[in-house]
C-alpha atoms as a PDB file:
ATOM      1  CA  LEU A   1       4.854  21.633 -21.202  1.00  0.00           C
ATOM      2  CA  ILE A   2       5.005  22.139 -17.438  1.00  0.00           C
ATOM      3  CA  LEU A   3       3.603  25.662 -17.583  1.00  0.00           C
ATOM      4  CA  GLY A   4       0.763  24.361 -19.750  1.00  0.00           C
ATOM      5  CA  TYR A   5      -0.312  21.979 -16.980  1.00  0.00           C
ATOM      6  CA  LEU A   6       0.329  24.317 -14.059  1.00  0.00           C
ATOM      7  CA  LYS A   7      -0.848  27.653 -15.479  1.00  0.00           C
ATOM      8  CA  ASP A   8      -3.984  27.661 -13.285  1.00  0.00           C
ATOM      9  CA  LEU A   9      -2.086  26.385 -10.244  1.00  0.00           C
ATOM     10  CA  THR A  10       0.959  28.648 -10.255  1.00  0.00           C
ATOM     11  CA  GLU A  11       3.071  30.785 -12.540  1.00  0.00           C
ATOM     12  CA  SER A  12       5.996  30.904 -10.122  1.00  0.00           C
ATOM     13  CA  SER A  13       9.188  30.571 -12.124  1.00  0.00           C
ATOM     14  CA  SER A  14      10.945  28.922  -9.173  1.00  0.00           C
ATOM     15  CA  ILE A  15       8.303  26.159  -9.059  1.00  0.00           C
ATOM     16  CA  ILE A  16       8.338  25.690 -12.838  1.00  0.00           C
ATOM     17  CA  ASN A  17      12.162  25.626 -12.977  1.00  0.00           C
ATOM     18  CA  GLY A  18      12.282  23.337  -9.922  1.00  0.00           C
ATOM     19  CA  THR A  19       9.941  20.911 -11.645  1.00  0.00           C
ATOM     20  CA  ILE A  20      12.160  20.918 -14.731  1.00  0.00           C
ATOM     21  CA  ARG A  21      15.249  20.288 -12.567  1.00  0.00           C
ATOM     22  CA  PHE A  22      13.447  17.466 -10.771  1.00  0.00           C
ATOM     23  CA  TYR A  23      12.448  15.722 -14.005  1.00  0.00           C
ATOM     24  CA  HIS A  24      15.945  15.892 -15.492  1.00  0.00           C
ATOM     25  CA  SER A  25      17.540  14.761 -12.228  1.00  0.00           C
ATOM     26  CA  VAL A  26      15.175  11.852 -11.592  1.00  0.00           C
ATOM     27  CA  ARG A  27      15.718  10.591 -15.145  1.00  0.00           C
ATOM     28  CA  GLU A  28      19.468  10.727 -14.569  1.00  0.00           C
ATOM     29  CA  MET A  29      19.102   8.941 -11.208  1.00  0.00           C
ATOM     30  CA  ALA A  30      16.999   6.255 -12.894  1.00  0.00           C
ATOM     31  CA  GLU A  31      19.932   5.462 -15.178  1.00  0.00           C
ATOM     32  CA  THR A  32      22.584   5.421 -12.456  1.00  0.00           C
ATOM     33  CA  ARG A  33      21.155   4.703  -8.974  1.00  0.00           C
ATOM     34  CA  LEU A  34      17.499   3.740  -8.798  1.00  0.00           C
ATOM     35  CA  LEU A  35      15.956   0.269  -8.998  1.00  0.00           C
ATOM     36  CA  ASP A  36      12.360  -0.782  -9.454  1.00  0.00           C
ATOM     37  CA  GLY A  37      10.616  -3.608  -7.611  1.00  0.00           C
ATOM     38  CA  THR A  38      12.198  -6.210  -9.901  1.00  0.00           C
ATOM     39  CA  GLY A  39      15.741  -4.890  -9.469  1.00  0.00           C
ATOM     40  CA  ARG A  40      15.873  -3.145 -12.842  1.00  0.00           C
ATOM     41  CA  LYS A  41      16.216   0.499 -13.777  1.00  0.00           C
ATOM     42  CA  PRO A  42      12.841   2.253 -13.579  1.00  0.00           C
ATOM     43  CA  HIS A  43      11.507   3.726 -16.802  1.00  0.00           C
ATOM     44  CA  TYR A  44      10.468   7.355 -16.377  1.00  0.00           C
ATOM     45  CA  SER A  45       8.957   9.212 -19.304  1.00  0.00           C
ATOM     46  CA  LEU A  46       7.019  12.377 -19.985  1.00  0.00           C
ATOM     47  CA  ARG A  47       3.948  10.276 -19.285  1.00  0.00           C
ATOM     48  CA  ASN A  48       4.953   9.993 -15.600  1.00  0.00           C
ATOM     49  CA  LEU A  49       5.539  13.722 -15.436  1.00  0.00           C
ATOM     50  CA  CYS A  50       2.283  14.613 -17.207  1.00  0.00           C
ATOM     51  CA  ARG A  51       0.225  12.321 -14.958  1.00  0.00           C
ATOM     52  CA  GLY A  52       1.602  14.009 -11.873  1.00  0.00           C
ATOM     53  CA  LEU A  53       1.196  17.513 -13.285  1.00  0.00           C
ATOM     54  CA  ASN A  54      -2.337  16.815 -14.476  1.00  0.00           C
ATOM     55  CA  TYR A  55      -3.426  15.748 -11.003  1.00  0.00           C
ATOM     56  CA  ALA A  56      -1.463  18.523  -9.268  1.00  0.00           C
ATOM     57  CA  ALA A  57      -3.208  21.117 -11.438  1.00  0.00           C
ATOM     58  CA  SER A  58      -6.471  20.354  -9.628  1.00  0.00           C
ATOM     59  CA  ASN A  59      -4.758  21.376  -6.354  1.00  0.00           C
ATOM     60  CA  PRO A  60      -6.082  18.376  -4.386  1.00  0.00           C
ATOM     61  CA  PHE A  61      -4.052  19.262  -1.288  1.00  0.00           C
ATOM     62  CA  GLY A  62      -5.087  22.906  -1.024  1.00  0.00           C
ATOM     63  CA  SER A  63      -1.572  24.251  -1.610  1.00  0.00           C
ATOM     64  CA  PRO A  64       0.212  24.455  -4.975  1.00  0.00           C
ATOM     65  CA  LEU A  65       3.545  23.282  -3.575  1.00  0.00           C
ATOM     66  CA  ARG A  66       2.049  20.474  -1.489  1.00  0.00           C
ATOM     67  CA  SER A  67      -0.094  19.310  -4.405  1.00  0.00           C
ATOM     68  CA  LEU A  68       2.913  19.271  -6.721  1.00  0.00           C
ATOM     69  CA  TYR A  69       5.033  17.415  -4.142  1.00  0.00           C
ATOM     70  CA  GLU A  70       2.412  14.731  -3.486  1.00  0.00           C
ATOM     71  CA  CYS A  71       1.551  14.272  -7.156  1.00  0.00           C
ATOM     72  CA  LEU A  72       5.176  13.992  -8.299  1.00  0.00           C
ATOM     73  CA  CYS A  73       5.788  11.453  -5.546  1.00  0.00           C
ATOM     74  CA  MET A  74       2.679   9.542  -6.653  1.00  0.00           C
ATOM     75  CA  SER A  75       3.954   9.417 -10.234  1.00  0.00           C
ATOM     76  CA  PHE A  76       7.617   8.640  -9.601  1.00  0.00           C
ATOM     77  CA  LEU A  77       7.688   6.507  -6.434  1.00  0.00           C
ATOM     78  CA  THR A  78       5.259   3.829  -7.570  1.00  0.00           C
ATOM     79  CA  GLN A  79       7.835   1.844  -9.542  1.00  0.00           C
ATOM     80  CA  LEU A  80      10.639   2.136  -6.992  1.00  0.00           C
ATOM     81  CA  ARG A  81      11.767  -0.249  -4.325  1.00  0.00           C
ATOM     82  CA  GLN A  82      10.574   0.967  -0.929  1.00  0.00           C
ATOM     83  CA  ASP A  83      14.121   1.440   0.380  1.00  0.00           C
ATOM     84  CA  GLN A  84      14.823   3.980  -2.376  1.00  0.00           C
ATOM     85  CA  HIS A  85      11.811   6.248  -1.898  1.00  0.00           C
ATOM     86  CA  TYR A  86      13.853   8.628   0.248  1.00  0.00           C
ATOM     87  CA  LEU A  87      16.117   9.402  -2.724  1.00  0.00           C
ATOM     88  CA  VAL A  88      13.258  10.683  -4.870  1.00  0.00           C
ATOM     89  CA  THR A  89      11.303  12.399  -2.081  1.00  0.00           C
ATOM     90  CA  GLY A  90      14.499  14.205  -1.105  1.00  0.00           C
ATOM     91  CA  LEU A  91      15.047  15.247  -4.711  1.00  0.00           C
ATOM     92  CA  VAL A  92      11.500  16.626  -5.002  1.00  0.00           C
ATOM     93  CA  GLN A  93      11.976  18.571  -1.764  1.00  0.00           C
ATOM     94  CA  GLN A  94      15.334  19.938  -2.883  1.00  0.00           C
ATOM     95  CA  CYS A  95      14.186  20.967  -6.364  1.00  0.00           C
ATOM     96  CA  LEU A  96      10.968  22.607  -5.177  1.00  0.00           C
ATOM     97  CA  GLY A  97      12.443  24.136  -2.013  1.00  0.00           C
ATOM     98  CA  ILE A  98      10.105  22.233   0.325  1.00  0.00           C
ATOM     99  CA  THR A  99      11.053  21.780   3.971  1.00  0.00           C
ATOM    100  CA  GLU A 100      10.312  18.776   6.176  1.00  0.00           C
ATOM    101  CA  GLN A 101       8.340  21.094   8.452  1.00  0.00           C
ATOM    102  CA  SER A 102       6.002  22.189   5.651  1.00  0.00           C
ATOM    103  CA  LEU A 103       5.231  18.530   4.908  1.00  0.00           C
ATOM    104  CA  LYS A 104       4.047  18.060   8.495  1.00  0.00           C
ATOM    105  CA  THR A 105       1.197  20.541   8.076  1.00  0.00           C
ATOM    106  CA  VAL A 106      -2.277  19.026   8.089  1.00  0.00           C
ATOM    107  CA  ILE A 107      -3.834  18.573   4.670  1.00  0.00           C
ATOM    108  CA  PRO A 108      -7.221  20.331   4.551  1.00  0.00           C
ATOM    109  CA  PRO A 109     -10.330  18.186   3.974  1.00  0.00           C
ATOM    110  CA  PRO A 110     -11.486  17.818   0.372  1.00  0.00           C
ATOM    111  CA  LYS A 111     -14.330  19.936  -0.916  1.00  0.00           C
ATOM    112  CA  GLY A 112     -17.450  18.478  -2.428  1.00  0.00           C
ATOM    113  CA  TYR A 113     -17.771  15.226  -0.480  1.00  0.00           C
ATOM    114  CA  LYS A 114     -17.681  13.858   3.052  1.00  0.00           C
ATOM    115  CA  ALA A 115     -14.355  12.358   4.103  1.00  0.00           C
ATOM    116  CA  ILE A 116     -12.489  11.090   7.151  1.00  0.00           C
ATOM    117  CA  GLN A 117      -8.791  11.453   7.823  1.00  0.00           C
ATOM    118  CA  VAL A 118      -6.756   8.251   8.102  1.00  0.00           C
ATOM    119  CA  GLU A 119      -3.007   8.472   8.755  1.00  0.00           C
ATOM    120  CA  GLY A 120      -2.831  11.974   7.307  1.00  0.00           C
ATOM    121  CA  PHE A 121      -4.893  11.296   4.180  1.00  0.00           C
ATOM    122  CA  TRP A 122      -8.557  11.952   3.483  1.00  0.00           C
ATOM    123  CA  LEU A 123     -10.738   9.025   2.417  1.00  0.00           C
ATOM    124  CA  ALA A 124     -14.222   9.426   0.988  1.00  0.00           C
ATOM    125  CA  VAL A 125     -17.039   8.224   3.228  1.00  0.00           C
ATOM    126  CA  GLY A 126     -19.821   6.259   1.599  1.00  0.00           C
ATOM    127  CA  SER A 127     -23.479   6.271   2.506  1.00  0.00           C
ATOM    128  CA  GLU A 128     -23.389   2.832   4.150  1.00  0.00           C
ATOM    129  CA  THR A 129     -22.412   2.257   7.781  1.00  0.00           C
ATOM    130  CA  PRO A 130     -19.399  -0.013   8.261  1.00  0.00           C
END
């Protein structure tokens, strides 16, 4: 399943296996440690994983690892309480072998449209003046 989504992004076995480890681990954490915004266990399914992988496959951050990191965080942090985000971001970093330093690199501007950078993220600029 994972290779099917990421075949055009990467064929690295360490990234594929890391993604598998992440998914199994985050599902286990959801049963034992994590809480959503209402204080209940978050529900993670293949749908969460596939959403993240589908977006990561387009390489929106200009780097396969960075795109996978950001997209998995997008898919799995949304339900969580803010004070538990560090648990999942740390798990993604550990499973994919991503360092804190590599996350500090500047994300390149998107291709195909004009954008401005706000707090490390690129936002599309419209034709109207603010």
